[in-house]
Amino acid sequence: MAEIQFTKGHGTGNDFVIVADPDGELDLSADQVAALCDRRFGIGADGLLRVVRSRALPEGAATLAEEPAAEWFMDYRNADGSIAEMCGNGTRVFARYLLDSDLADLSAGSTLPIGTRAGVKDITRSETGFQVDLGRWRAEPGDPLVRAKGLPVARPGLGIDLGNPHVVVALASEEELAGLDLTVQPIIEPEPPHGANIEFVVPQGVKDGIGRIRMRVFERGVGETLSCGTGTAAAALAVRDWAGPAAPDFWRVDVPGGTLGVRMFPTEEGEHVALSGPAVLVFSGVVALA
């Protein structure tokens, strides 16, 4: 039995077990990750964040080639132990852990680069906590249909790639949104090769130049979560696309766990999308791993 130290954190209710492994010495199996994230028999979380130096693992080589200052790599695992490319809420919680543990600095106006399997993500401070530049995005070709328990007929979705895959589905009312039973996994037809997170959204109009959306999400490898960072960005991008050229580039997305901000902005390499919101560390402890 090996004992490891951990910290529990969350971003708008999307919660994580955080394990510091600076030198990449801890080889967690999928079963061990799933046991740690189990809400009845483990610590309980939507996923696990392993804090490891980029130079200590193979995936970090690409990170350092892209940005030599990206000392830290976010090794993210879903609650079932599967590997995921990225997690928007996770990047903010990861940054909070680095700062509170004195592993990194982030003064006002500066940037903290973090390595992920979807490339380097730049973190800055924001009024609500942290903002992460999720980078370029793209709409996926095709017209997937989504079947979900609580919806009488399949609904069309829009595929959005943010380094991890999403399918966004528009609903007609908040009653439809509330009536979804996401204890049952929705079905996407045709099924994406690597699965996808599925966002169900109800547009709420525009107020003071900011678009408003309500959203629930089913995350692959996890189930319904209180929030999904990249999912809120995908939702805002999809609703903006449906709304047409007059739609705003600033969005407020209400999820069961709170509210997140999304901003689209031009760069030399194309349009980027940024996500902002809080990040909280809840408690720390020691757990024995079988």
C-alpha atoms as a PDB file:
ATOM      1  CA  MET A   1       0.000   0.000   0.000  1.00  0.00           C
ATOM      2  CA  ALA A   2       1.528   3.304  -1.118  1.00  0.00           C
ATOM      3  CA  GLU A   3       0.455   6.546   0.530  1.00  0.00           C
ATOM      4  CA  ILE A   4       0.099   9.684  -1.593  1.00  0.00           C
ATOM      5  CA  GLN A   5      -0.843  13.214  -0.700  1.00  0.00           C
ATOM      6  CA  PHE A   6      -3.763  14.780  -2.544  1.00  0.00           C
ATOM      7  CA  THR A   7      -5.788  17.989  -2.696  1.00  0.00           C
ATOM      8  CA  LYS A   8      -9.447  18.315  -3.673  1.00  0.00           C
ATOM      9  CA  GLY A   9     -10.429  21.312  -5.820  1.00  0.00           C
ATOM     10  CA  HIS A  10     -13.229  22.483  -8.083  1.00  0.00           C
ATOM     11  CA  GLY A  11     -14.206  25.075 -10.678  1.00  0.00           C
ATOM     12  CA  THR A  12     -17.961  25.835 -10.552  1.00  0.00           C
ATOM     13  CA  GLY A  13     -18.595  22.395  -9.101  1.00  0.00           C
ATOM     14  CA  ASN A  14     -16.501  20.496 -11.665  1.00  0.00           C
ATOM     15  CA  ASP A  15     -14.286  18.758  -9.101  1.00  0.00           C
ATOM     16  CA  PHE A  16     -10.881  17.127  -9.200  1.00  0.00           C
ATOM     17  CA  VAL A  17      -8.446  15.090  -7.167  1.00  0.00           C
ATOM     18  CA  ILE A  18      -5.050  16.814  -7.497  1.00  0.00           C
ATOM     19  CA  VAL A  19      -1.885  14.763  -7.045  1.00  0.00           C
ATOM     20  CA  ALA A  20       1.573  16.371  -7.079  1.00  0.00           C
ATOM     21  CA  ASP A  21       4.154  14.222  -8.899  1.00  0.00           C
ATOM     22  CA  PRO A  22       6.820  16.726 -10.000  1.00  0.00           C
ATOM     23  CA  ASP A  23       9.346  14.172 -11.246  1.00  0.00           C
ATOM     24  CA  GLY A  24       6.863  11.811 -12.896  1.00  0.00           C
ATOM     25  CA  GLU A  25       7.530   8.922 -10.518  1.00  0.00           C
ATOM     26  CA  LEU A  26       3.893   7.985  -9.848  1.00  0.00           C
ATOM     27  CA  ASP A  27       2.391   5.559 -12.381  1.00  0.00           C
ATOM     28  CA  LEU A  28      -1.345   5.581 -11.652  1.00  0.00           C
ATOM     29  CA  SER A  29      -3.360   2.878 -13.405  1.00  0.00           C
ATOM     30  CA  ALA A  30      -6.817   3.543 -14.824  1.00  0.00           C
ATOM     31  CA  ASP A  31      -8.307   1.424 -12.026  1.00  0.00           C
ATOM     32  CA  GLN A  32      -6.499   3.440  -9.358  1.00  0.00           C
ATOM     33  CA  VAL A  33      -7.686   6.732 -10.857  1.00  0.00           C
ATOM     34  CA  ALA A  34     -11.260   5.403 -11.010  1.00  0.00           C
ATOM     35  CA  ALA A  35     -11.014   4.277  -7.365  1.00  0.00           C
ATOM     36  CA  LEU A  36      -9.789   7.699  -6.232  1.00  0.00           C
ATOM     37  CA  CYS A  37     -12.587   9.457  -8.144  1.00  0.00           C
ATOM     38  CA  ASP A  38     -15.338   7.108  -6.951  1.00  0.00           C
ATOM     39  CA  ARG A  39     -17.891   9.142  -4.984  1.00  0.00           C
ATOM     40  CA  ARG A  40     -18.890   6.322  -2.648  1.00  0.00           C
ATOM     41  CA  PHE A  41     -15.703   4.348  -2.149  1.00  0.00           C
ATOM     42  CA  GLY A  42     -13.039   6.967  -2.902  1.00  0.00           C
ATOM     43  CA  ILE A  43     -12.379  10.687  -2.524  1.00  0.00           C
ATOM     44  CA  GLY A  44     -14.926  11.545  -5.198  1.00  0.00           C
ATOM     45  CA  ALA A  45     -14.313  13.695  -8.276  1.00  0.00           C
ATOM     46  CA  ASP A  46     -15.065  14.220 -11.963  1.00  0.00           C
ATOM     47  CA  GLY A  47     -11.407  13.640 -12.778  1.00  0.00           C
ATOM     48  CA  LEU A  48      -7.814  13.618 -11.596  1.00  0.00           C
ATOM     49  CA  LEU A  49      -5.116  16.237 -12.213  1.00  0.00           C
ATOM     50  CA  ARG A  50      -1.539  14.996 -11.916  1.00  0.00           C
ATOM     51  CA  VAL A  51       0.889  17.890 -11.438  1.00  0.00           C
ATOM     52  CA  VAL A  52       4.104  16.885 -13.227  1.00  0.00           C
ATOM     53  CA  ARG A  53       7.011  18.764 -14.787  1.00  0.00           C
ATOM     54  CA  SER A  54       6.838  18.774 -18.567  1.00  0.00           C
ATOM     55  CA  ARG A  55      10.397  17.408 -18.863  1.00  0.00           C
ATOM     56  CA  ALA A  56       9.432  14.342 -16.794  1.00  0.00           C
ATOM     57  CA  LEU A  57       7.060  12.697 -19.268  1.00  0.00           C
ATOM     58  CA  PRO A  58       7.015  12.031 -23.027  1.00  0.00           C
ATOM     59  CA  GLU A  59       3.987  14.242 -23.752  1.00  0.00           C
ATOM     60  CA  GLY A  60       5.866  17.144 -22.188  1.00  0.00           C
ATOM     61  CA  ALA A  61       8.447  17.208 -24.987  1.00  0.00           C
ATOM     62  CA  ALA A  62       5.878  18.673 -27.391  1.00  0.00           C
ATOM     63  CA  THR A  63       4.874  21.156 -24.699  1.00  0.00           C
ATOM     64  CA  LEU A  64       8.425  22.428 -24.227  1.00  0.00           C
ATOM     65  CA  ALA A  65       8.987  22.588 -27.981  1.00  0.00           C
ATOM     66  CA  GLU A  66       5.926  24.846 -28.241  1.00  0.00           C
ATOM     67  CA  GLU A  67       6.700  26.949 -25.158  1.00  0.00           C
ATOM     68  CA  PRO A  68       9.964  26.426 -23.211  1.00  0.00           C
ATOM     69  CA  ALA A  69       8.507  28.311 -20.231  1.00  0.00           C
ATOM     70  CA  ALA A  70       5.725  25.730 -19.760  1.00  0.00           C
ATOM     71  CA  GLU A  71       7.405  24.013 -16.810  1.00  0.00           C
ATOM     72  CA  TRP A  72       4.268  22.225 -15.594  1.00  0.00           C
ATOM     73  CA  PHE A  73       2.104  19.682 -17.425  1.00  0.00           C
ATOM     74  CA  MET A  74      -1.518  18.883 -16.526  1.00  0.00           C
ATOM     75  CA  ASP A  75      -1.907  15.116 -16.846  1.00  0.00           C
ATOM     76  CA  TYR A  76      -5.705  14.922 -16.837  1.00  0.00           C
ATOM     77  CA  ARG A  77      -7.712  11.718 -16.392  1.00  0.00           C
ATOM     78  CA  ASN A  78     -11.490  11.284 -16.507  1.00  0.00           C
ATOM     79  CA  ALA A  79     -13.303   9.759 -13.547  1.00  0.00           C
ATOM     80  CA  ASP A  80     -13.279   6.337 -15.216  1.00  0.00           C
ATOM     81  CA  GLY A  81      -9.481   6.491 -15.509  1.00  0.00           C
ATOM     82  CA  SER A  82      -9.397   7.225 -19.234  1.00  0.00           C
ATOM     83  CA  ILE A  83      -7.002   9.848 -20.587  1.00  0.00           C
ATOM     84  CA  ALA A  84      -8.460  13.140 -21.831  1.00  0.00           C
ATOM     85  CA  GLU A  85      -6.873  15.828 -23.981  1.00  0.00           C
ATOM     86  CA  MET A  86      -7.937  18.870 -21.986  1.00  0.00           C
ATOM     87  CA  CYS A  87     -10.179  20.268 -19.278  1.00  0.00           C
ATOM     88  CA  GLY A  88     -11.019  23.960 -19.170  1.00  0.00           C
ATOM     89  CA  ASN A  89     -12.125  24.072 -15.525  1.00  0.00           C
ATOM     90  CA  GLY A  90      -9.202  21.816 -14.681  1.00  0.00           C
ATOM     91  CA  THR A  91      -6.642  24.295 -16.024  1.00  0.00           C
ATOM     92  CA  ARG A  92      -7.884  26.972 -13.621  1.00  0.00           C
ATOM     93  CA  VAL A  93      -7.856  24.600 -10.654  1.00  0.00           C
ATOM     94  CA  PHE A  94      -4.395  23.409 -11.743  1.00  0.00           C
ATOM     95  CA  ALA A  95      -3.191  27.023 -11.778  1.00  0.00           C
ATOM     96  CA  ARG A  96      -4.683  27.673  -8.339  1.00  0.00           C
ATOM     97  CA  TYR A  97      -2.821  24.643  -6.973  1.00  0.00           C
ATOM     98  CA  LEU A  98       0.500  25.736  -8.493  1.00  0.00           C
ATOM     99  CA  LEU A  99       0.189  29.215  -7.015  1.00  0.00           C
ATOM    100  CA  ASP A 100      -1.014  28.131  -3.558  1.00  0.00           C
ATOM    101  CA  SER A 101       1.772  25.516  -3.393  1.00  0.00           C
ATOM    102  CA  ASP A 102       4.442  28.078  -4.395  1.00  0.00           C
ATOM    103  CA  LEU A 103       5.292  26.053  -7.495  1.00  0.00           C
ATOM    104  CA  ALA A 104       4.661  29.009  -9.827  1.00  0.00           C
ATOM    105  CA  ASP A 105       4.060  32.768  -9.799  1.00  0.00           C
ATOM    106  CA  LEU A 106       1.376  34.748 -11.608  1.00  0.00           C
ATOM    107  CA  SER A 107       1.512  38.491 -11.027  1.00  0.00           C
ATOM    108  CA  ALA A 108      -1.074  40.876 -12.444  1.00  0.00           C
ATOM    109  CA  GLY A 109      -0.606  41.272 -16.194  1.00  0.00           C
ATOM    110  CA  SER A 110       1.606  38.203 -16.562  1.00  0.00           C
ATOM    111  CA  THR A 111       0.864  34.781 -18.067  1.00  0.00           C
ATOM    112  CA  LEU A 112       1.339  31.255 -16.744  1.00  0.00           C
ATOM    113  CA  PRO A 113       1.760  28.663 -19.543  1.00  0.00           C
ATOM    114  CA  ILE A 114       0.524  25.148 -18.729  1.00  0.00           C
ATOM    115  CA  GLY A 115       1.166  22.057 -20.838  1.00  0.00           C
ATOM    116  CA  THR A 116      -1.747  19.788 -21.828  1.00  0.00           C
ATOM    117  CA  ARG A 117      -2.291  17.055 -24.392  1.00  0.00           C
ATOM    118  CA  ALA A 118      -4.104  19.704 -26.458  1.00  0.00           C
ATOM    119  CA  GLY A 119      -1.104  22.042 -26.445  1.00  0.00           C
ATOM    120  CA  VAL A 120       0.033  24.879 -24.190  1.00  0.00           C
ATOM    121  CA  LYS A 121      -2.717  26.866 -22.483  1.00  0.00           C
ATOM    122  CA  ASP A 122      -1.984  30.364 -21.168  1.00  0.00           C
ATOM    123  CA  ILE A 123      -3.487  31.337 -17.799  1.00  0.00           C
ATOM    124  CA  THR A 124      -4.003  34.917 -16.616  1.00  0.00           C
ATOM    125  CA  ARG A 125      -5.807  36.373 -13.626  1.00  0.00           C
ATOM    126  CA  SER A 126      -9.376  37.638 -14.055  1.00  0.00           C
ATOM    127  CA  GLU A 127     -12.007  39.355 -11.923  1.00  0.00           C
ATOM    128  CA  THR A 128     -13.665  36.023 -11.177  1.00  0.00           C
ATOM    129  CA  GLY A 129     -10.457  34.034 -10.650  1.00  0.00           C
ATOM    130  CA  PHE A 130      -8.537  32.942 -13.725  1.00  0.00           C
ATOM    131  CA  GLN A 131      -8.859  33.115 -17.489  1.00  0.00           C
ATOM    132  CA  VAL A 132      -7.470  30.432 -19.809  1.00  0.00           C
ATOM    133  CA  ASP A 133      -6.848  30.961 -23.504  1.00  0.00           C
ATOM    134  CA  LEU A 134      -8.212  27.745 -25.000  1.00  0.00           C
ATOM    135  CA  GLY A 135      -6.652  28.581 -28.347  1.00  0.00           C
ATOM    136  CA  ARG A 136      -8.069  28.046 -31.816  1.00  0.00           C
ATOM    137  CA  TRP A 137     -11.252  26.096 -32.326  1.00  0.00           C
ATOM    138  CA  ARG A 138     -12.985  24.534 -35.288  1.00  0.00           C
ATOM    139  CA  ALA A 139     -16.459  23.406 -36.238  1.00  0.00           C
ATOM    140  CA  GLU A 140     -16.652  19.738 -37.126  1.00  0.00           C
ATOM    141  CA  PRO A 141     -18.219  18.657 -40.447  1.00  0.00           C
ATOM    142  CA  GLY A 142     -21.414  16.634 -40.548  1.00  0.00           C
ATOM    143  CA  ASP A 143     -24.814  16.873 -38.904  1.00  0.00           C
ATOM    144  CA  PRO A 144     -24.887  14.564 -35.875  1.00  0.00           C
ATOM    145  CA  LEU A 145     -28.174  13.657 -34.226  1.00  0.00           C
ATOM    146  CA  VAL A 146     -28.382  13.310 -30.446  1.00  0.00           C
ATOM    147  CA  ARG A 147     -30.861  11.082 -28.632  1.00  0.00           C
ATOM    148  CA  ALA A 148     -31.326  11.689 -24.923  1.00  0.00           C
ATOM    149  CA  LYS A 149     -33.705  10.331 -22.308  1.00  0.00           C
ATOM    150  CA  GLY A 150     -36.369  12.970 -21.764  1.00  0.00           C
ATOM    151  CA  LEU A 151     -36.369  14.233 -25.363  1.00  0.00           C
ATOM    152  CA  PRO A 152     -39.162  12.722 -27.491  1.00  0.00           C
ATOM    153  CA  VAL A 153     -37.187  12.932 -30.752  1.00  0.00           C
ATOM    154  CA  ALA A 154     -33.520  13.155 -31.741  1.00  0.00           C
ATOM    155  CA  ARG A 155     -32.139  16.683 -32.012  1.00  0.00           C
ATOM    156  CA  PRO A 156     -29.460  17.981 -34.382  1.00  0.00           C
ATOM    157  CA  GLY A 157     -26.137  18.976 -32.889  1.00  0.00           C
ATOM    158  CA  LEU A 158     -23.115  21.022 -33.901  1.00  0.00           C
ATOM    159  CA  GLY A 159     -19.669  19.502 -33.475  1.00  0.00           C
ATOM    160  CA  ILE A 160     -17.031  21.814 -31.972  1.00  0.00           C
ATOM    161  CA  ASP A 161     -13.365  20.872 -31.456  1.00  0.00           C
ATOM    162  CA  LEU A 162     -11.491  22.707 -28.690  1.00  0.00           C
ATOM    163  CA  GLY A 163      -8.651  20.232 -28.417  1.00  0.00           C
ATOM    164  CA  ASN A 164     -11.290  17.834 -27.084  1.00  0.00           C
ATOM    165  CA  PRO A 165     -14.555  16.970 -28.888  1.00  0.00           C
ATOM    166  CA  HIS A 166     -18.007  18.436 -28.210  1.00  0.00           C
ATOM    167  CA  VAL A 167     -21.488  18.223 -29.702  1.00  0.00           C
ATOM    168  CA  VAL A 168     -23.813  21.107 -28.797  1.00  0.00           C
ATOM    169  CA  VAL A 169     -27.602  20.651 -28.928  1.00  0.00           C
ATOM    170  CA  ALA A 170     -30.097  23.543 -28.762  1.00  0.00           C
ATOM    171  CA  LEU A 171     -33.310  23.005 -26.792  1.00  0.00           C
ATOM    172  CA  ALA A 172     -36.536  24.978 -27.026  1.00  0.00           C
ATOM    173  CA  SER A 173     -37.092  25.830 -23.363  1.00  0.00           C
ATOM    174  CA  GLU A 174     -35.794  25.613 -19.820  1.00  0.00           C
ATOM    175  CA  GLU A 175     -38.479  22.996 -19.171  1.00  0.00           C
ATOM    176  CA  GLU A 176     -36.897  20.754 -21.812  1.00  0.00           C
ATOM    177  CA  LEU A 177     -33.493  21.340 -20.249  1.00  0.00           C
ATOM    178  CA  ALA A 178     -34.770  20.476 -16.767  1.00  0.00           C
ATOM    179  CA  GLY A 179     -36.577  17.387 -18.084  1.00  0.00           C
ATOM    180  CA  LEU A 180     -33.440  15.677 -19.405  1.00  0.00           C
ATOM    181  CA  ASP A 181     -32.397  12.505 -17.633  1.00  0.00           C
ATOM    182  CA  LEU A 182     -28.620  12.526 -17.950  1.00  0.00           C
ATOM    183  CA  THR A 183     -28.160   9.535 -15.689  1.00  0.00           C
ATOM    184  CA  VAL A 184     -28.529   7.728 -19.031  1.00  0.00           C
ATOM    185  CA  GLN A 185     -25.780   8.412 -21.581  1.00  0.00           C
ATOM    186  CA  PRO A 186     -27.076  10.251 -24.671  1.00  0.00           C
ATOM    187  CA  ILE A 187     -26.419   8.655 -28.055  1.00  0.00           C
ATOM    188  CA  ILE A 188     -24.729  10.500 -30.921  1.00  0.00           C
ATOM    189  CA  GLU A 189     -25.429   9.322 -34.475  1.00  0.00           C
ATOM    190  CA  PRO A 190     -23.027   8.852 -36.148  1.00  0.00           C
ATOM    191  CA  GLU A 191     -20.876   8.123 -33.120  1.00  0.00           C
ATOM    192  CA  PRO A 192     -17.620  10.175 -33.067  1.00  0.00           C
ATOM    193  CA  PRO A 193     -14.515   7.959 -33.198  1.00  0.00           C
ATOM    194  CA  HIS A 194     -13.316   9.096 -29.757  1.00  0.00           C
ATOM    195  CA  GLY A 195     -16.690  10.006 -28.278  1.00  0.00           C
ATOM    196  CA  ALA A 196     -17.654  13.547 -27.316  1.00  0.00           C
ATOM    197  CA  ASN A 197     -18.898  15.730 -24.509  1.00  0.00           C
ATOM    198  CA  ILE A 198     -22.536  16.676 -25.141  1.00  0.00           C
ATOM    199  CA  GLU A 199     -23.851  20.113 -24.205  1.00  0.00           C
ATOM    200  CA  PHE A 200     -27.585  20.852 -24.060  1.00  0.00           C
ATOM    201  CA  VAL A 201     -28.245  24.588 -24.217  1.00  0.00           C
ATOM    202  CA  VAL A 202     -31.068  27.099 -24.033  1.00  0.00           C
ATOM    203  CA  PRO A 203     -30.154  30.579 -25.362  1.00  0.00           C
ATOM    204  CA  GLN A 204     -31.301  33.390 -23.047  1.00  0.00           C
ATOM    205  CA  GLY A 205     -30.841  36.372 -25.355  1.00  0.00           C
ATOM    206  CA  VAL A 206     -28.386  39.276 -25.151  1.00  0.00           C
ATOM    207  CA  LYS A 207     -28.147  41.850 -22.368  1.00  0.00           C
ATOM    208  CA  ASP A 208     -25.689  44.743 -22.276  1.00  0.00           C
ATOM    209  CA  GLY A 209     -23.795  43.255 -25.215  1.00  0.00           C
ATOM    210  CA  ILE A 210     -23.293  39.887 -23.466  1.00  0.00           C
ATOM    211  CA  GLY A 211     -24.977  36.725 -24.715  1.00  0.00           C
ATOM    212  CA  ARG A 212     -26.642  34.519 -22.102  1.00  0.00           C
ATOM    213  CA  ILE A 213     -26.959  30.728 -22.140  1.00  0.00           C
ATOM    214  CA  ARG A 214     -28.167  28.030 -19.744  1.00  0.00           C
ATOM    215  CA  MET A 215     -26.459  24.654 -20.120  1.00  0.00           C
ATOM    216  CA  ARG A 216     -26.251  21.075 -18.858  1.00  0.00           C
ATOM    217  CA  VAL A 217     -23.520  18.680 -19.960  1.00  0.00           C
ATOM    218  CA  PHE A 218     -22.784  14.973 -20.202  1.00  0.00           C
ATOM    219  CA  GLU A 219     -19.015  14.430 -20.154  1.00  0.00           C
ATOM    220  CA  ARG A 220     -17.542  11.353 -21.779  1.00  0.00           C
ATOM    221  CA  GLY A 221     -15.961   9.041 -19.257  1.00  0.00           C
ATOM    222  CA  VAL A 222     -17.731  10.813 -16.394  1.00  0.00           C
ATOM    223  CA  GLY A 223     -21.491  11.409 -16.830  1.00  0.00           C
ATOM    224  CA  GLU A 224     -23.378  14.583 -16.020  1.00  0.00           C
ATOM    225  CA  THR A 225     -21.203  17.147 -14.265  1.00  0.00           C
ATOM    226  CA  LEU A 226     -22.069  20.452 -12.616  1.00  0.00           C
ATOM    227  CA  SER A 227     -19.869  22.277 -15.122  1.00  0.00           C
ATOM    228  CA  CYS A 228     -17.581  21.751 -18.121  1.00  0.00           C
ATOM    229  CA  GLY A 229     -15.166  24.533 -19.045  1.00  0.00           C
ATOM    230  CA  THR A 230     -14.461  23.626 -22.660  1.00  0.00           C
ATOM    231  CA  GLY A 231     -18.144  22.700 -22.936  1.00  0.00           C
ATOM    232  CA  THR A 232     -19.231  26.230 -22.005  1.00  0.00           C
ATOM    233  CA  ALA A 233     -16.893  27.605 -24.668  1.00  0.00           C
ATOM    234  CA  ALA A 234     -18.301  25.138 -27.222  1.00  0.00           C
ATOM    235  CA  ALA A 235     -21.835  26.154 -26.231  1.00  0.00           C
ATOM    236  CA  ALA A 236     -21.098  29.855 -26.717  1.00  0.00           C
ATOM    237  CA  LEU A 237     -19.426  29.221 -30.074  1.00  0.00           C
ATOM    238  CA  ALA A 238     -22.370  27.145 -31.279  1.00  0.00           C
ATOM    239  CA  VAL A 239     -25.032  29.635 -30.163  1.00  0.00           C
ATOM    240  CA  ARG A 240     -23.077  32.505 -31.730  1.00  0.00           C
ATOM    241  CA  ASP A 241     -22.939  30.538 -34.989  1.00  0.00           C
ATOM    242  CA  TRP A 242     -26.680  29.889 -34.917  1.00  0.00           C
ATOM    243  CA  ALA A 243     -27.434  33.533 -34.074  1.00  0.00           C
ATOM    244  CA  GLY A 244     -25.573  34.950 -37.090  1.00  0.00           C
ATOM    245  CA  PRO A 245     -23.068  37.757 -37.728  1.00  0.00           C
ATOM    246  CA  ALA A 246     -24.682  40.228 -35.302  1.00  0.00           C
ATOM    247  CA  ALA A 247     -24.090  37.926 -32.316  1.00  0.00           C
ATOM    248  CA  PRO A 248     -21.720  39.143 -29.582  1.00  0.00           C
ATOM    249  CA  ASP A 249     -18.241  37.818 -28.787  1.00  0.00           C
ATOM    250  CA  PHE A 250     -18.819  37.911 -25.018  1.00  0.00           C
ATOM    251  CA  TRP A 251     -20.973  35.278 -23.321  1.00  0.00           C
ATOM    252  CA  ARG A 252     -22.176  34.317 -19.864  1.00  0.00           C
ATOM    253  CA  VAL A 253     -22.961  30.625 -19.446  1.00  0.00           C
ATOM    254  CA  ASP A 254     -24.976  29.452 -16.439  1.00  0.00           C
ATOM    255  CA  VAL A 255     -24.330  25.835 -15.460  1.00  0.00           C
ATOM    256  CA  PRO A 256     -25.666  23.930 -12.414  1.00  0.00           C
ATOM    257  CA  GLY A 257     -22.426  24.705 -10.526  1.00  0.00           C
ATOM    258  CA  GLY A 258     -22.274  28.450 -11.211  1.00  0.00           C
ATOM    259  CA  THR A 259     -21.443  30.889 -14.005  1.00  0.00           C
ATOM    260  CA  LEU A 260     -18.545  31.024 -16.474  1.00  0.00           C
ATOM    261  CA  GLY A 261     -17.458  33.685 -18.943  1.00  0.00           C
ATOM    262  CA  VAL A 262     -16.491  33.073 -22.580  1.00  0.00           C
ATOM    263  CA  ARG A 263     -14.764  35.543 -24.885  1.00  0.00           C
ATOM    264  CA  MET A 264     -13.842  35.188 -28.564  1.00  0.00           C
ATOM    265  CA  PHE A 265     -10.985  37.324 -29.895  1.00  0.00           C
ATOM    266  CA  PRO A 266      -8.835  37.540 -33.052  1.00  0.00           C
ATOM    267  CA  THR A 267      -5.146  36.622 -33.163  1.00  0.00           C
ATOM    268  CA  GLU A 268      -2.591  36.420 -35.961  1.00  0.00           C
ATOM    269  CA  GLU A 269      -3.165  32.673 -36.272  1.00  0.00           C
ATOM    270  CA  GLY A 270      -6.966  32.871 -36.213  1.00  0.00           C
ATOM    271  CA  GLU A 271      -9.750  33.335 -33.702  1.00  0.00           C
ATOM    272  CA  HIS A 272      -9.160  32.146 -30.140  1.00  0.00           C
ATOM    273  CA  VAL A 273     -11.677  31.541 -27.364  1.00  0.00           C
ATOM    274  CA  ALA A 274     -11.034  32.218 -23.674  1.00  0.00           C
ATOM    275  CA  LEU A 275     -12.757  30.872 -20.578  1.00  0.00           C
ATOM    276  CA  SER A 276     -12.926  32.658 -17.224  1.00  0.00           C
ATOM    277  CA  GLY A 277     -14.211  31.652 -13.814  1.00  0.00           C
ATOM    278  CA  PRO A 278     -13.349  30.708 -10.239  1.00  0.00           C
ATOM    279  CA  ALA A 279     -11.050  27.967  -8.931  1.00  0.00           C
ATOM    280  CA  VAL A 280     -11.226  26.722  -5.349  1.00  0.00           C
ATOM    281  CA  LEU A 281      -9.108  24.295  -3.305  1.00  0.00           C
ATOM    282  CA  VAL A 282     -11.313  22.537  -0.751  1.00  0.00           C
ATOM    283  CA  PHE A 283      -9.174  20.215   1.387  1.00  0.00           C
ATOM    284  CA  SER A 284      -6.004  18.097   1.421  1.00  0.00           C
ATOM    285  CA  GLY A 285      -5.175  14.700   2.832  1.00  0.00           C
ATOM    286  CA  VAL A 286      -3.336  11.425   2.454  1.00  0.00           C
ATOM    287  CA  VAL A 287      -4.752   8.316   0.825  1.00  0.00           C
ATOM    288  CA  ALA A 288      -3.408   4.745   0.686  1.00  0.00           C
ATOM    289  CA  LEU A 289      -3.365   3.264  -2.820  1.00  0.00           C
ATOM    290  CA  ALA A 290      -3.808  -0.460  -3.260  1.00  0.00           C
END
